[in-house]
Amino acid sequence: MDGPPADREAPVTAAEMDASLRRVSGIDVRVSEVAEGGTRFTDHARQATAYRRGRVLLCGDAAHVHSPFSGQGLNLGLGDAVNLGWKLAATVRGSAPEGLLDTYTGERHPVGAGVLDWTRAQVAAMRGDTYSSALRAVVTDFLGTRDGATLYARRISGLGQRYDLGDGHPMVGALMPGLRLDDGSRLADHAHGGRALLVDLTGDDEQAAELAALAEPYAGRLELLRGSSEDAGVSGMLVRPDGFVAWASATGGTAGLEAALTRWLGDAGKG
């Protein structure tokens, strides 16, 4: 916690480990041997200002670096890859709407910035001064509550992420819900193909026909799922290939769906 090492590539020695552990823990620790593969890391935190410049795209550690506390960088990098992957594929295929690749920075950069701030906060709570000790005590009390622990788990896991995809149903911009359908399957089971998913949960034949007509021109890019679930809370939703909800309806109507299809999948029948 006292800045970067003079030589990041220098071997980690037993004597160095001894000194560090004693200083941090206050215990007379004796390290006799360091196994092969000892590495160094710091609280260095940096983020690229943009994730795309022309044909150059950054994701994962190329876009952001930070302390590895809590393993948040793994989920962050995977989220970058999933967000970019389907947009890049649609662009290469020629079916992407104008500006689709530009949404990558707009959606993922704020998520990366948030993770960097959380790792900075963790470092602040772990430094060995009296201020950090006081902060750590407050955080410990916070994590001892149900709401506090839930918030922490959602932030660390990334399950609480959401994108600003416009007004509409509160579900829009969030990860698709972990619904169990009445046939025993989960909603996520139907998304393994990597395509967008248009979900009809109304059980209404007229609604099904309307959704099928809207989905037909997007064959190959969109899968239509008709099912039912007691816990749905919505009558229908459009799920992007990265698992985020782009449109949802609680009333059984399709208002706004055609615009959402065009925004995220491009012109009907193209590609």
C-alpha atoms as a PDB file:
ATOM      1  CA  MET A   1       0.000   0.000   0.000  1.00  0.00           C
ATOM      2  CA  ASP A   2       3.030   2.285  -0.184  1.00  0.00           C
ATOM      3  CA  GLY A   3       3.349   2.795  -3.929  1.00  0.00           C
ATOM      4  CA  PRO A   4       4.706   0.714  -6.791  1.00  0.00           C
ATOM      5  CA  PRO A   5       7.882  -1.358  -6.394  1.00  0.00           C
ATOM      6  CA  ALA A   6      11.114   0.027  -7.814  1.00  0.00           C
ATOM      7  CA  ASP A   7      11.300  -2.969 -10.151  1.00  0.00           C
ATOM      8  CA  ARG A   8       8.006  -4.726 -10.865  1.00  0.00           C
ATOM      9  CA  GLU A   9       9.788  -7.659 -12.532  1.00  0.00           C
ATOM     10  CA  ALA A  10      12.233  -8.311  -9.667  1.00  0.00           C
ATOM     11  CA  PRO A  11      11.810 -11.746  -7.996  1.00  0.00           C
ATOM     12  CA  VAL A  12       9.738 -11.802  -4.803  1.00  0.00           C
ATOM     13  CA  THR A  13      12.094 -12.888  -2.007  1.00  0.00           C
ATOM     14  CA  ALA A  14      11.406 -14.498   1.344  1.00  0.00           C
ATOM     15  CA  ALA A  15      13.083 -11.576   3.120  1.00  0.00           C
ATOM     16  CA  GLU A  16      10.827  -9.093   1.358  1.00  0.00           C
ATOM     17  CA  MET A  17       7.746 -11.146   2.247  1.00  0.00           C
ATOM     18  CA  ASP A  18       8.943 -11.331   5.859  1.00  0.00           C
ATOM     19  CA  ALA A  19       9.310  -7.568   6.131  1.00  0.00           C
ATOM     20  CA  SER A  20       5.984  -6.818   4.453  1.00  0.00           C
ATOM     21  CA  LEU A  21       3.954  -9.273   6.510  1.00  0.00           C
ATOM     22  CA  ARG A  22       5.483  -8.069   9.780  1.00  0.00           C
ATOM     23  CA  ARG A  23       4.844  -4.436   8.897  1.00  0.00           C
ATOM     24  CA  VAL A  24       1.222  -5.012   7.933  1.00  0.00           C
ATOM     25  CA  SER A  25       0.195  -7.600  10.532  1.00  0.00           C
ATOM     26  CA  GLY A  26       2.415  -6.657  13.474  1.00  0.00           C
ATOM     27  CA  ILE A  27       3.149 -10.378  13.959  1.00  0.00           C
ATOM     28  CA  ASP A  28       6.609 -11.959  13.946  1.00  0.00           C
ATOM     29  CA  VAL A  29       6.029 -13.899  10.728  1.00  0.00           C
ATOM     30  CA  ARG A  30       8.797 -16.095   9.331  1.00  0.00           C
ATOM     31  CA  VAL A  31       8.711 -16.910   5.605  1.00  0.00           C
ATOM     32  CA  SER A  32      11.175 -19.653   4.748  1.00  0.00           C
ATOM     33  CA  GLU A  33      10.485 -19.969   1.035  1.00  0.00           C
ATOM     34  CA  VAL A  34       8.539 -18.273  -1.783  1.00  0.00           C
ATOM     35  CA  ALA A  35       7.029 -20.685  -4.265  1.00  0.00           C
ATOM     36  CA  GLU A  36       7.783 -20.210  -7.926  1.00  0.00           C
ATOM     37  CA  GLY A  37       5.483 -17.655  -9.551  1.00  0.00           C
ATOM     38  CA  GLY A  38       5.454 -14.964  -6.877  1.00  0.00           C
ATOM     39  CA  THR A  39       4.160 -11.745  -8.432  1.00  0.00           C
ATOM     40  CA  ARG A  40       3.623  -8.118  -7.505  1.00  0.00           C
ATOM     41  CA  PHE A  41       0.616  -5.862  -7.861  1.00  0.00           C
ATOM     42  CA  THR A  42      -0.285  -2.380  -6.687  1.00  0.00           C
ATOM     43  CA  ASP A  43      -3.323  -0.154  -6.409  1.00  0.00           C
ATOM     44  CA  HIS A  44      -2.511   1.439  -9.770  1.00  0.00           C
ATOM     45  CA  ALA A  45      -5.847   2.472 -11.357  1.00  0.00           C
ATOM     46  CA  ARG A  46      -6.157   3.884 -14.868  1.00  0.00           C
ATOM     47  CA  GLN A  47      -8.798   3.927 -17.593  1.00  0.00           C
ATOM     48  CA  ALA A  48      -8.669   4.798 -21.286  1.00  0.00           C
ATOM     49  CA  THR A  49     -10.763   7.865 -22.103  1.00  0.00           C
ATOM     50  CA  ALA A  50     -12.451   6.034 -24.987  1.00  0.00           C
ATOM     51  CA  TYR A  51     -12.714   2.352 -25.885  1.00  0.00           C
ATOM     52  CA  ARG A  52     -12.942   2.940 -29.633  1.00  0.00           C
ATOM     53  CA  ARG A  53     -10.950   5.029 -32.048  1.00  0.00           C
ATOM     54  CA  GLY A  54     -11.792   4.139 -35.633  1.00  0.00           C
ATOM     55  CA  ARG A  55     -10.939   0.488 -36.221  1.00  0.00           C
ATOM     56  CA  VAL A  56      -9.127   0.154 -32.870  1.00  0.00           C
ATOM     57  CA  LEU A  57     -11.204  -1.200 -29.979  1.00  0.00           C
ATOM     58  CA  LEU A  58     -10.067  -1.757 -26.383  1.00  0.00           C
ATOM     59  CA  CYS A  59     -11.514  -4.150 -23.837  1.00  0.00           C
ATOM     60  CA  GLY A  60     -10.448  -5.831 -20.638  1.00  0.00           C
ATOM     61  CA  ASP A  61      -7.056  -4.883 -19.221  1.00  0.00           C
ATOM     62  CA  ALA A  62      -6.260  -2.854 -22.346  1.00  0.00           C
ATOM     63  CA  ALA A  63      -9.119  -0.500 -21.440  1.00  0.00           C
ATOM     64  CA  HIS A  64      -8.718  -0.365 -17.652  1.00  0.00           C
ATOM     65  CA  VAL A  65      -6.321  -1.500 -14.934  1.00  0.00           C
ATOM     66  CA  HIS A  66      -6.859  -1.510 -11.186  1.00  0.00           C
ATOM     67  CA  SER A  67      -6.134  -3.352  -7.985  1.00  0.00           C
ATOM     68  CA  PRO A  68      -7.312  -6.983  -8.293  1.00  0.00           C
ATOM     69  CA  PHE A  69      -9.129  -6.939  -4.937  1.00  0.00           C
ATOM     70  CA  SER A  70     -12.366  -9.010  -5.049  1.00  0.00           C
ATOM     71  CA  GLY A  71     -11.659 -10.214  -8.588  1.00  0.00           C
ATOM     72  CA  GLN A  72     -13.867  -7.519 -10.090  1.00  0.00           C
ATOM     73  CA  GLY A  73     -11.623  -7.178 -13.136  1.00  0.00           C
ATOM     74  CA  LEU A  74     -12.588 -10.636 -14.375  1.00  0.00           C
ATOM     75  CA  ASN A  75     -16.307  -9.867 -14.570  1.00  0.00           C
ATOM     76  CA  LEU A  76     -15.519  -6.405 -15.927  1.00  0.00           C
ATOM     77  CA  GLY A  77     -13.420  -7.756 -18.786  1.00  0.00           C
ATOM     78  CA  LEU A  78     -15.952 -10.459 -19.636  1.00  0.00           C
ATOM     79  CA  GLY A  79     -18.688  -7.822 -19.662  1.00  0.00           C
ATOM     80  CA  ASP A  80     -16.650  -5.740 -22.107  1.00  0.00           C
ATOM     81  CA  ALA A  81     -16.181  -8.757 -24.376  1.00  0.00           C
ATOM     82  CA  VAL A  82     -19.846  -9.764 -24.390  1.00  0.00           C
ATOM     83  CA  ASN A  83     -21.001  -6.166 -24.989  1.00  0.00           C
ATOM     84  CA  LEU A  84     -18.526  -5.672 -27.832  1.00  0.00           C
ATOM     85  CA  GLY A  85     -18.762  -9.151 -29.336  1.00  0.00           C
ATOM     86  CA  TRP A  86     -22.289  -9.086 -30.711  1.00  0.00           C
ATOM     87  CA  LYS A  87     -21.958  -5.484 -31.898  1.00  0.00           C
ATOM     88  CA  LEU A  88     -18.727  -6.257 -33.708  1.00  0.00           C
ATOM     89  CA  ALA A  89     -20.242  -9.401 -35.264  1.00  0.00           C
ATOM     90  CA  ALA A  90     -23.265  -7.449 -36.542  1.00  0.00           C
ATOM     91  CA  THR A  91     -20.968  -4.788 -37.979  1.00  0.00           C
ATOM     92  CA  VAL A  92     -18.805  -7.349 -39.783  1.00  0.00           C
ATOM     93  CA  ARG A  93     -21.934  -9.121 -41.046  1.00  0.00           C
ATOM     94  CA  GLY A  94     -23.306  -5.841 -42.366  1.00  0.00           C
ATOM     95  CA  SER A  95     -26.569  -5.853 -40.415  1.00  0.00           C
ATOM     96  CA  ALA A  96     -25.601  -3.390 -37.658  1.00  0.00           C
ATOM     97  CA  PRO A  97     -27.549  -0.140 -37.403  1.00  0.00           C
ATOM     98  CA  GLU A  98     -25.610   3.093 -37.784  1.00  0.00           C
ATOM     99  CA  GLY A  99     -23.523   3.905 -34.731  1.00  0.00           C
ATOM    100  CA  LEU A 100     -23.929   0.530 -32.993  1.00  0.00           C
ATOM    101  CA  LEU A 101     -20.201   0.175 -32.295  1.00  0.00           C
ATOM    102  CA  ASP A 102     -20.126   3.659 -30.776  1.00  0.00           C
ATOM    103  CA  THR A 103     -22.518   2.498 -28.035  1.00  0.00           C
ATOM    104  CA  TYR A 104     -19.764   0.235 -26.700  1.00  0.00           C
ATOM    105  CA  THR A 105     -17.820   3.066 -25.042  1.00  0.00           C
ATOM    106  CA  GLY A 106     -21.009   4.774 -23.858  1.00  0.00           C
ATOM    107  CA  GLU A 107     -22.230   1.643 -22.084  1.00  0.00           C
ATOM    108  CA  ARG A 108     -19.033   0.092 -20.777  1.00  0.00           C
ATOM    109  CA  HIS A 109     -16.938   3.131 -19.819  1.00  0.00           C
ATOM    110  CA  PRO A 110     -19.199   4.123 -16.862  1.00  0.00           C
ATOM    111  CA  VAL A 111     -19.162   0.516 -15.644  1.00  0.00           C
ATOM    112  CA  GLY A 112     -15.362   0.470 -15.740  1.00  0.00           C
ATOM    113  CA  ALA A 113     -15.157   3.797 -13.921  1.00  0.00           C
ATOM    114  CA  GLY A 114     -17.437   2.435 -11.207  1.00  0.00           C
ATOM    115  CA  VAL A 115     -15.282  -0.643 -10.683  1.00  0.00           C
ATOM    116  CA  LEU A 116     -12.147   1.509 -10.451  1.00  0.00           C
ATOM    117  CA  ASP A 117     -13.803   3.619  -7.765  1.00  0.00           C
ATOM    118  CA  TRP A 118     -14.791   0.517  -5.791  1.00  0.00           C
ATOM    119  CA  THR A 119     -11.260  -0.853  -5.898  1.00  0.00           C
ATOM    120  CA  ARG A 120      -9.917   2.549  -4.796  1.00  0.00           C
ATOM    121  CA  ALA A 121     -12.360   2.472  -1.890  1.00  0.00           C
ATOM    122  CA  GLN A 122     -11.158  -1.005  -0.933  1.00  0.00           C
ATOM    123  CA  VAL A 123      -7.555   0.184  -0.965  1.00  0.00           C
ATOM    124  CA  ALA A 124      -8.522   3.189   1.171  1.00  0.00           C
ATOM    125  CA  ALA A 125     -10.057   0.853   3.754  1.00  0.00           C
ATOM    126  CA  MET A 126      -7.002  -1.419   3.833  1.00  0.00           C
ATOM    127  CA  ARG A 127      -4.213   1.096   4.385  1.00  0.00           C
ATOM    128  CA  GLY A 128      -2.692   0.900   7.826  1.00  0.00           C
ATOM    129  CA  ASP A 129      -3.442   4.367   9.213  1.00  0.00           C
ATOM    130  CA  THR A 130      -6.042   5.352  11.798  1.00  0.00           C
ATOM    131  CA  TYR A 131      -8.347   6.911   9.211  1.00  0.00           C
ATOM    132  CA  SER A 132      -8.474   3.670   7.215  1.00  0.00           C
ATOM    133  CA  SER A 133      -9.092   1.676  10.404  1.00  0.00           C
ATOM    134  CA  ALA A 134     -12.066   3.899  11.226  1.00  0.00           C
ATOM    135  CA  LEU A 135     -13.382   3.585   7.684  1.00  0.00           C
ATOM    136  CA  ARG A 136     -12.980  -0.193   7.776  1.00  0.00           C
ATOM    137  CA  ALA A 137     -15.005  -0.372  10.999  1.00  0.00           C
ATOM    138  CA  VAL A 138     -17.839   1.629   9.418  1.00  0.00           C
ATOM    139  CA  VAL A 139     -17.820  -0.579   6.301  1.00  0.00           C
ATOM    140  CA  THR A 140     -17.842  -3.706   8.465  1.00  0.00           C
ATOM    141  CA  ASP A 141     -20.984  -2.465  10.236  1.00  0.00           C
ATOM    142  CA  PHE A 142     -22.534  -1.704   6.843  1.00  0.00           C
ATOM    143  CA  LEU A 143     -21.770  -5.206   5.548  1.00  0.00           C
ATOM    144  CA  GLY A 144     -23.345  -6.673   8.675  1.00  0.00           C
ATOM    145  CA  THR A 145     -26.763  -5.554   7.456  1.00  0.00           C
ATOM    146  CA  ARG A 146     -28.816  -7.472   4.906  1.00  0.00           C
ATOM    147  CA  ASP A 147     -29.196  -4.474   2.594  1.00  0.00           C
ATOM    148  CA  GLY A 148     -25.518  -3.595   2.854  1.00  0.00           C
ATOM    149  CA  ALA A 149     -24.333  -7.119   2.108  1.00  0.00           C
ATOM    150  CA  THR A 150     -26.780  -7.394  -0.809  1.00  0.00           C
ATOM    151  CA  LEU A 151     -25.607  -4.113  -2.329  1.00  0.00           C
ATOM    152  CA  TYR A 152     -21.977  -5.149  -1.953  1.00  0.00           C
ATOM    153  CA  ALA A 153     -22.574  -8.551  -3.555  1.00  0.00           C
ATOM    154  CA  ARG A 154     -24.461  -7.024  -6.488  1.00  0.00           C
ATOM    155  CA  ARG A 155     -21.732  -4.471  -7.137  1.00  0.00           C
ATOM    156  CA  ILE A 156     -18.850  -6.916  -6.821  1.00  0.00           C
ATOM    157  CA  SER A 157     -20.562  -9.570  -8.991  1.00  0.00           C
ATOM    158  CA  GLY A 158     -21.717  -7.082 -11.623  1.00  0.00           C
ATOM    159  CA  LEU A 159     -25.323  -8.309 -11.403  1.00  0.00           C
ATOM    160  CA  GLY A 160     -26.485  -4.804 -10.520  1.00  0.00           C
ATOM    161  CA  GLN A 161     -25.164  -3.264 -13.730  1.00  0.00           C
ATOM    162  CA  ARG A 162     -27.572  -1.462 -16.005  1.00  0.00           C
ATOM    163  CA  TYR A 163     -27.285   0.675 -19.111  1.00  0.00           C
ATOM    164  CA  ASP A 164     -29.176   3.831 -19.940  1.00  0.00           C
ATOM    165  CA  LEU A 165     -31.246   2.506 -22.846  1.00  0.00           C
ATOM    166  CA  GLY A 166     -33.999   5.113 -22.628  1.00  0.00           C
ATOM    167  CA  ASP A 167     -37.311   5.535 -20.884  1.00  0.00           C
ATOM    168  CA  GLY A 168     -39.911   2.827 -20.578  1.00  0.00           C
ATOM    169  CA  HIS A 169     -40.339  -0.201 -18.360  1.00  0.00           C
ATOM    170  CA  PRO A 170     -38.023  -0.270 -15.293  1.00  0.00           C
ATOM    171  CA  MET A 171     -36.556  -3.540 -16.587  1.00  0.00           C
ATOM    172  CA  VAL A 172     -35.124  -1.835 -19.684  1.00  0.00           C
ATOM    173  CA  GLY A 173     -31.345  -1.501 -19.385  1.00  0.00           C
ATOM    174  CA  ALA A 174     -31.009  -4.250 -16.760  1.00  0.00           C
ATOM    175  CA  LEU A 175     -29.896  -7.843 -17.165  1.00  0.00           C
ATOM    176  CA  MET A 176     -32.739 -10.129 -18.141  1.00  0.00           C
ATOM    177  CA  PRO A 177     -34.446 -11.614 -15.094  1.00  0.00           C
ATOM    178  CA  GLY A 178     -33.654 -15.148 -13.985  1.00  0.00           C
ATOM    179  CA  LEU A 179     -37.176 -16.330 -14.774  1.00  0.00           C
ATOM    180  CA  ARG A 180     -38.135 -19.968 -14.517  1.00  0.00           C
ATOM    181  CA  LEU A 181     -40.749 -20.698 -17.160  1.00  0.00           C
ATOM    182  CA  ASP A 182     -43.671 -23.003 -16.567  1.00  0.00           C
ATOM    183  CA  ASP A 183     -42.110 -25.689 -18.811  1.00  0.00           C
ATOM    184  CA  GLY A 184     -39.235 -25.973 -16.307  1.00  0.00           C
ATOM    185  CA  SER A 185     -36.650 -24.106 -18.348  1.00  0.00           C
ATOM    186  CA  ARG A 186     -35.037 -20.806 -17.417  1.00  0.00           C
ATOM    187  CA  LEU A 187     -35.170 -17.772 -19.638  1.00  0.00           C
ATOM    188  CA  ALA A 188     -31.366 -17.817 -19.935  1.00  0.00           C
ATOM    189  CA  ASP A 189     -31.512 -21.369 -21.336  1.00  0.00           C
ATOM    190  CA  HIS A 190     -33.027 -19.931 -24.503  1.00  0.00           C
ATOM    191  CA  ALA A 191     -30.260 -17.392 -25.045  1.00  0.00           C
ATOM    192  CA  HIS A 192     -27.380 -19.798 -25.671  1.00  0.00           C
ATOM    193  CA  GLY A 193     -27.503 -19.200 -29.434  1.00  0.00           C
ATOM    194  CA  GLY A 194     -26.092 -15.694 -29.000  1.00  0.00           C
ATOM    195  CA  ARG A 195     -28.982 -14.033 -30.817  1.00  0.00           C
ATOM    196  CA  ALA A 196     -31.461 -11.447 -29.602  1.00  0.00           C
ATOM    197  CA  LEU A 197     -34.500 -12.925 -27.884  1.00  0.00           C
ATOM    198  CA  LEU A 198     -38.096 -11.717 -28.236  1.00  0.00           C
ATOM    199  CA  VAL A 199     -40.132 -13.155 -25.382  1.00  0.00           C
ATOM    200  CA  ASP A 200     -43.931 -13.482 -25.400  1.00  0.00           C
ATOM    201  CA  LEU A 201     -45.369 -14.281 -21.974  1.00  0.00           C
ATOM    202  CA  THR A 202     -48.985 -13.217 -22.534  1.00  0.00           C
ATOM    203  CA  GLY A 203     -50.428 -16.571 -23.602  1.00  0.00           C
ATOM    204  CA  ASP A 204     -52.536 -14.630 -26.077  1.00  0.00           C
ATOM    205  CA  ASP A 205     -52.759 -15.869 -29.679  1.00  0.00           C
ATOM    206  CA  GLU A 206     -53.364 -12.389 -31.119  1.00  0.00           C
ATOM    207  CA  GLN A 207     -50.333 -11.015 -29.279  1.00  0.00           C
ATOM    208  CA  ALA A 208     -48.265 -13.985 -30.443  1.00  0.00           C
ATOM    209  CA  ALA A 209     -49.210 -13.335 -34.058  1.00  0.00           C
ATOM    210  CA  GLU A 210     -48.286  -9.662 -33.764  1.00  0.00           C
ATOM    211  CA  LEU A 211     -44.903 -10.451 -32.248  1.00  0.00           C
ATOM    212  CA  ALA A 212     -44.240 -13.150 -34.834  1.00  0.00           C
ATOM    213  CA  ALA A 213     -44.915 -10.652 -37.626  1.00  0.00           C
ATOM    214  CA  LEU A 214     -42.434  -8.184 -36.121  1.00  0.00           C
ATOM    215  CA  ALA A 215     -39.825 -10.900 -35.557  1.00  0.00           C
ATOM    216  CA  GLU A 216     -40.035 -12.547 -38.995  1.00  0.00           C
ATOM    217  CA  PRO A 217     -37.887 -10.000 -40.901  1.00  0.00           C
ATOM    218  CA  TYR A 218     -35.105 -10.526 -38.344  1.00  0.00           C
ATOM    219  CA  ALA A 219     -34.818 -14.288 -38.873  1.00  0.00           C
ATOM    220  CA  GLY A 220     -31.283 -15.416 -38.098  1.00  0.00           C
ATOM    221  CA  ARG A 221     -30.701 -12.482 -35.757  1.00  0.00           C
ATOM    222  CA  LEU A 222     -33.675 -12.903 -33.440  1.00  0.00           C
ATOM    223  CA  GLU A 223     -35.355 -15.861 -31.756  1.00  0.00           C
ATOM    224  CA  LEU A 224     -39.011 -15.736 -30.764  1.00  0.00           C
ATOM    225  CA  LEU A 225     -39.873 -17.480 -27.501  1.00  0.00           C
ATOM    226  CA  ARG A 226     -43.436 -18.071 -26.393  1.00  0.00           C
ATOM    227  CA  GLY A 227     -43.930 -19.246 -22.836  1.00  0.00           C
ATOM    228  CA  SER A 228     -45.442 -18.446 -19.460  1.00  0.00           C
ATOM    229  CA  SER A 229     -44.229 -17.719 -15.955  1.00  0.00           C
ATOM    230  CA  GLU A 230     -46.066 -16.827 -12.773  1.00  0.00           C
ATOM    231  CA  ASP A 231     -43.233 -14.544 -11.662  1.00  0.00           C
ATOM    232  CA  ALA A 232     -42.664 -12.657 -14.904  1.00  0.00           C
ATOM    233  CA  GLY A 233     -44.006  -9.189 -14.082  1.00  0.00           C
ATOM    234  CA  VAL A 234     -43.964  -8.422 -17.806  1.00  0.00           C
ATOM    235  CA  SER A 235     -45.959  -9.602 -20.802  1.00  0.00           C
ATOM    236  CA  GLY A 236     -43.093  -9.410 -23.249  1.00  0.00           C
ATOM    237  CA  MET A 237     -39.482  -8.308 -23.591  1.00  0.00           C
ATOM    238  CA  LEU A 238     -36.697  -7.907 -26.125  1.00  0.00           C
ATOM    239  CA  VAL A 239     -33.347  -9.175 -24.840  1.00  0.00           C
ATOM    240  CA  ARG A 240     -30.150  -8.165 -26.640  1.00  0.00           C
ATOM    241  CA  PRO A 241     -27.528 -10.842 -27.392  1.00  0.00           C
ATOM    242  CA  ASP A 242     -25.526  -9.680 -24.348  1.00  0.00           C
ATOM    243  CA  GLY A 243     -28.455 -10.459 -22.028  1.00  0.00           C
ATOM    244  CA  PHE A 244     -29.644  -6.882 -21.375  1.00  0.00           C
ATOM    245  CA  VAL A 245     -33.304  -5.973 -21.793  1.00  0.00           C
ATOM    246  CA  ALA A 246     -33.860  -3.487 -24.633  1.00  0.00           C
ATOM    247  CA  TRP A 247     -37.676  -3.350 -24.489  1.00  0.00           C
ATOM    248  CA  ALA A 248     -40.350  -4.597 -22.108  1.00  0.00           C
ATOM    249  CA  SER A 249     -44.101  -4.312 -21.773  1.00  0.00           C
ATOM    250  CA  ALA A 250     -46.334  -4.937 -18.786  1.00  0.00           C
ATOM    251  CA  THR A 251     -49.616  -4.489 -20.649  1.00  0.00           C
ATOM    252  CA  GLY A 252     -49.446  -6.934 -23.528  1.00  0.00           C
ATOM    253  CA  GLY A 253     -48.952  -4.226 -26.145  1.00  0.00           C
ATOM    254  CA  THR A 254     -46.070  -3.778 -28.579  1.00  0.00           C
ATOM    255  CA  ALA A 255     -45.654   0.005 -28.380  1.00  0.00           C
ATOM    256  CA  GLY A 256     -41.994   0.895 -28.829  1.00  0.00           C
ATOM    257  CA  LEU A 257     -40.942  -2.605 -29.869  1.00  0.00           C
ATOM    258  CA  GLU A 258     -40.452  -1.852 -33.563  1.00  0.00           C
ATOM    259  CA  ALA A 259     -38.245   1.136 -32.708  1.00  0.00           C
ATOM    260  CA  ALA A 260     -36.189  -1.012 -30.311  1.00  0.00           C
ATOM    261  CA  LEU A 261     -35.731  -3.697 -32.968  1.00  0.00           C
ATOM    262  CA  THR A 262     -34.493  -1.141 -35.463  1.00  0.00           C
ATOM    263  CA  ARG A 263     -32.235   0.553 -32.915  1.00  0.00           C
ATOM    264  CA  TRP A 264     -30.426  -2.619 -31.892  1.00  0.00           C
ATOM    265  CA  LEU A 265     -30.802  -5.023 -34.827  1.00  0.00           C
ATOM    266  CA  GLY A 266     -30.877  -2.627 -37.764  1.00  0.00           C
ATOM    267  CA  ASP A 267     -33.278  -2.509 -40.694  1.00  0.00           C
ATOM    268  CA  ALA A 268     -35.729  -5.385 -40.997  1.00  0.00           C
ATOM    269  CA  GLY A 269     -34.644  -7.988 -43.526  1.00  0.00           C
ATOM    270  CA  LYS A 270     -31.054  -6.690 -43.673  1.00  0.00           C
ATOM    271  CA  GLY A 271     -28.199  -9.087 -43.019  1.00  0.00           C
END
